[in-house]
Amino acid sequence: MDTLTIKVRDSKALKLIQDLESLDLIQVIHNDVQSSSKKLSEKLAGSISNEDADSMQEELKKMRSEWERNT
């Protein structure tokens, strides 16, 4: 199934959408405006393990030291 985002321009269209939902032909999913106002760091918190984060930090340190050494 596809998920579509639509902008309702008329109350008649909204009524049609509600009728389609009542016939169980579509499912209306309301966008949560509050979640989009979160900081990116809040949205991604906990998405990688501590071990992976530590490994990435070490790699970054290595790359930065190599970059500074070459300048």
Protein backbone atom coordinates (compact mmCIF):
# COMPACT_ATOMS: atom_id res chain seq x y z
CA MET A 1 0.00 0.00 0.00
CA ASP A 2 1.08 3.57 -0.61
CA THR A 3 1.03 6.40 1.88
CA LEU A 4 0.07 9.78 0.46
CA THR A 5 0.04 13.26 1.90
CA ILE A 6 -2.80 15.41 0.69
CA LYS A 7 -3.92 18.95 1.30
CA VAL A 8 -7.69 19.32 1.62
CA ARG A 9 -8.88 22.47 -0.13
CA ASP A 10 -12.60 22.16 0.42
CA SER A 11 -14.89 20.83 3.13
CA LYS A 12 -16.67 18.68 0.50
CA ALA A 13 -13.40 16.88 -0.15
CA LEU A 14 -12.95 16.29 3.57
CA LYS A 15 -16.43 14.74 3.70
CA LEU A 16 -15.51 12.43 0.82
CA ILE A 17 -12.34 11.37 2.62
CA GLN A 18 -14.32 10.65 5.78
CA ASP A 19 -16.78 8.57 3.73
CA LEU A 20 -13.92 6.57 2.20
CA GLU A 21 -12.54 5.96 5.67
CA SER A 22 -15.92 4.83 6.99
CA LEU A 23 -16.11 2.32 4.12
CA ASP A 24 -12.70 1.02 5.26
CA LEU A 25 -11.17 1.87 1.89
CA ILE A 26 -8.57 4.25 3.31
CA GLN A 27 -7.06 5.04 6.68
CA VAL A 28 -6.55 8.66 7.68
CA ILE A 29 -3.31 9.23 9.55
CA HIS A 30 -3.06 12.62 11.18
CA ASN A 31 0.35 14.26 11.18
CA ASP A 32 1.66 15.01 14.65
CA VAL A 33 2.80 18.63 14.42
CA GLN A 34 4.43 18.49 17.84
CA SER A 35 6.85 15.73 16.85
CA SER A 36 8.13 17.78 13.92
CA SER A 37 9.07 20.58 16.29
CA LYS A 38 11.53 18.33 18.12
CA LYS A 39 15.23 18.87 17.65
CA LEU A 40 16.95 16.41 15.36
CA SER A 41 19.12 15.28 18.27
CA GLU A 42 15.95 14.43 20.25
CA LYS A 43 14.52 12.45 17.35
CA LEU A 44 17.72 10.45 16.88
CA ALA A 45 18.57 9.91 20.54
CA GLY A 46 19.28 6.24 21.19
CA SER A 47 19.31 5.29 17.50
CA ILE A 48 22.85 3.86 17.75
CA SER A 49 24.49 1.91 20.54
CA ASN A 50 27.06 3.43 22.90
CA GLU A 51 29.70 1.10 21.48
CA ASP A 52 29.03 2.30 17.93
CA ALA A 53 29.10 5.92 19.07
CA ASP A 54 32.44 5.39 20.83
CA SER A 55 33.86 3.71 17.75
CA MET A 56 32.74 6.62 15.56
CA GLN A 57 34.27 9.12 17.96
CA GLU A 58 37.61 7.29 17.80
CA GLU A 59 37.52 7.29 14.01
CA LEU A 60 36.77 11.02 14.00
CA LYS A 61 39.72 11.67 16.31
CA LYS A 62 42.01 9.69 13.99
CA MET A 63 40.79 11.55 10.91
CA ARG A 64 41.17 14.95 12.58
CA SER A 65 44.69 14.18 13.75
CA GLU A 66 45.66 13.07 10.24
CA TRP A 67 44.14 16.21 8.74
CA GLU A 68 45.95 18.48 11.22
CA ARG A 69 49.23 16.62 10.63
CA ASN A 70 49.03 17.23 6.86
CA THR A 71 48.51 21.01 7.12
